[in-house]
Amino acid sequence: MNDSSDTEEEVSFKAGRDGIIILIDATEPMFAEDASGSCAFKECIIACDQAMMHKIKFSPSDLMAVVFFGTEKTCNDGNRSHVSVLNGLQRPCIESLNKLRTMHQSFSSDLFKENYGHSNDYLFGDVLWLAQSMLTKCITKLASSRIILLSCCEMFGKDDNYSQRHANVRANDLKGNAISMEFIPCVPGYIPSDFISTIMQIVGDSNDPWTVPRSLAIDQLEDIPNIVVSVVGSQDQRSRVIAHLDFRIGDNVSVPVEVYNLIREEGGPKKEKLYKVTNERITSKVVHQVQGVQPAVFDEEAGDVSFSESPVIGTPAMAAMGVEEEPKTVQKVDLDKTVDAGEETARLSMVEYDALQKFIDTGLVLLGFVPLDLLRITHHHSPASFVYPSRSSTSGSRDLFAALWHRMGVKEVAAICSYTARKGMRPRFGALVPSGLEKDKEVYEYYRKHHINAMPDPQGFHIFMFPYNDNISHLGLPGRPSASSDQVAAAVLVLKKLRSPFHPSQIPNPANETRWAAIEALALELDRDSIRPVIDEIMPDYEVIDERLGGLAKAFTRSVYPADYDPSAPVKKARAPTKRALVKTEMDELDLDLVEAAMKNRKVHTLKMDLLKAYMRSKGLPVAGKKKQELVDEIYGFKYL
């Protein structure tokens, strides 16, 4: 078995699950309709629907619950009055989505009042207690626990001193259990009352009076779903730690750090093997078997003991011999594994392989420093990760990290490190590049100007992985024509007109969205007309582009292409050259740097036969009737002549 793929596997995103409880106010003010006929409660249900779809796509292991408070009906495990649990704390599923979609597609205030009713005779502290109980009693280990509160009211439940004290006590309990809470007002221009401001101040453990953040304020009711989805997705992979490591700076000096993934590939759902008859999921199990060995047979004439190996059961040879013995099952620990090292393959037992996995400790090891000018974009082998001091750092370690970050920024150097994220992973080499240098240089100058002896908070390091030497190809590229000053000026004018803000996370992948729309339609048993349409936002808006450019596009074309160039004319197919002309062309256009680089890296055998023959002809060597290996040997021999 070759486990090179296992050891080279990138660090997967397994940093724990997120538990979210969405508390929706179900009192009568939430059902007041605006000029367009929409109400805040309906938009909240739509927001829950979209939030669950977001979790299914990007974080299917996270848990989510939807709870109504302020209802006449009571439906919860804690028997808290006027609180109804629509969906318990669980992974988003088809049943939960069907409940939400049925509710907002056939929404009616009278129907909701008939099924649930409205009541202001509840204790907001009971609502917080129920949410805390659902999160703390969850058998699944949660990396983060959050509550999202949706309401347009200034006062929640009974308006008396006991209710307020009770709510404050429950808010302190949330803070003690590390449960955060976000309040999204469901009305434009919401001004928080002293009651909700005190609750949010206690949960957030802040001394400043709480106000509605600008990112959570709405201008109209249709903004509620987008804000809820953004809050739900705020704890996605970018905000979760993928590794807790020790950054070893020197002898007996280390700083605990956390590693984050800034970007990762967006993929579709995994394929599942299903049984064609019952459509049930198929589970596979790998069983290792060896050929059966017959007992020892003593040959009197030969005078020695010989062993004969039996063929595998099920083969014609086995059937002809009439052997009914099944092959022996071998445990995985009894197998040997191979590891590729350089150009050789080493065979190891499981004991040796396990020892090899534990030979290198996990962590970041500082090897040295290089100027930032020596780093090239071609050195970046994979997307960069982000390194930041651990939140549970010991006293002084954060200051040491900040000092290293600051001095590297002043010296304009990068740190070369050995990076091992987990046990069994081969060490990688990368460069730690300080982040946010320009901004924090100004902060440091401000500190020094006012004689403040403090270090500015570090912005962390970007770690860029280096490729191995075998992954680097040295290509001899032909010379490229340079543009004139008029062509550069015309291109600059075009780029200025087409410049627009862009971030890849803001544009969905149309292929993945189409796949998810089809899966959603199959899971929810929707007809063809009800499939969610997918808009390809990658395609450019040609009308807007033409309006912005005007005559600049033609001016750029005239400066680059010849006067008789017609972009709409059909392309003329070039005639295939004869064999004699082809040989001459190869000799004329041969790039000697390519062959020289292959000779230097001992990669001549990877070049094509025609290229090797052309190189031999250019050196005046005969090539007629020779095989590729003979050409390779002669090229290596010619190098050392």
Foldseek 3Di string as FASTA:
>chain_A
DACQCVQADDQDQDFFAEWEEEEEEPAPQQCDADPVRDGLRLLVLVLVLVLLVVCVQFPQQYWYWYKYAQWCDDDDPVRFGRIHTPGATDGDDLVSNVVSCVCNVPPDPVVCCVVTNGHLAGAVLVVLVRLVCSVVPDPGDGPAAEYEYEEQDQDGHDPDPVSLVSLQVSLLVCLVVRYAYHYAYQDAPRFHDPSVQSSNCNNVVHPDGDTHDPLRHDPHNNCVSVSSNCVSCPCGQQNGFSFWAWAAEDVVDTFIKTKGANDDDRDADDDFDADPPPRHTDDDDDWDFDFDKDDWDADPVVRDIDIDTHDAPPDPSCVVVVDPDHTDTDDPQQDWYWYDDDPDIDIGHSVVLLCVLVVDDAHKYWDAKDAPVVDDPVFQPDGWMWMGGDPPIDPPSQVVVLVVLLVCLVVRIWTWIWHDRDGSHDIWIWTWGFPPSVVVVVVVVVCVVVVNPDGPGGPTTITGTGDDPVPDADDDDDDDDDADPQLVVLVVLLCVLPDDDDDVVVFDDQVNVVVVLVVVCVSNVHDPVPRDDGDHPVDDDVVSSCVSCPCSVVSSCPRPDPPPDDPPDDDDDDDDDDPVVVLVVCLVPQDVVNCVRCLVVVNNLVDDPSNLCSVCVNVVHDDPPDDPVVSSVVVNVVVVD
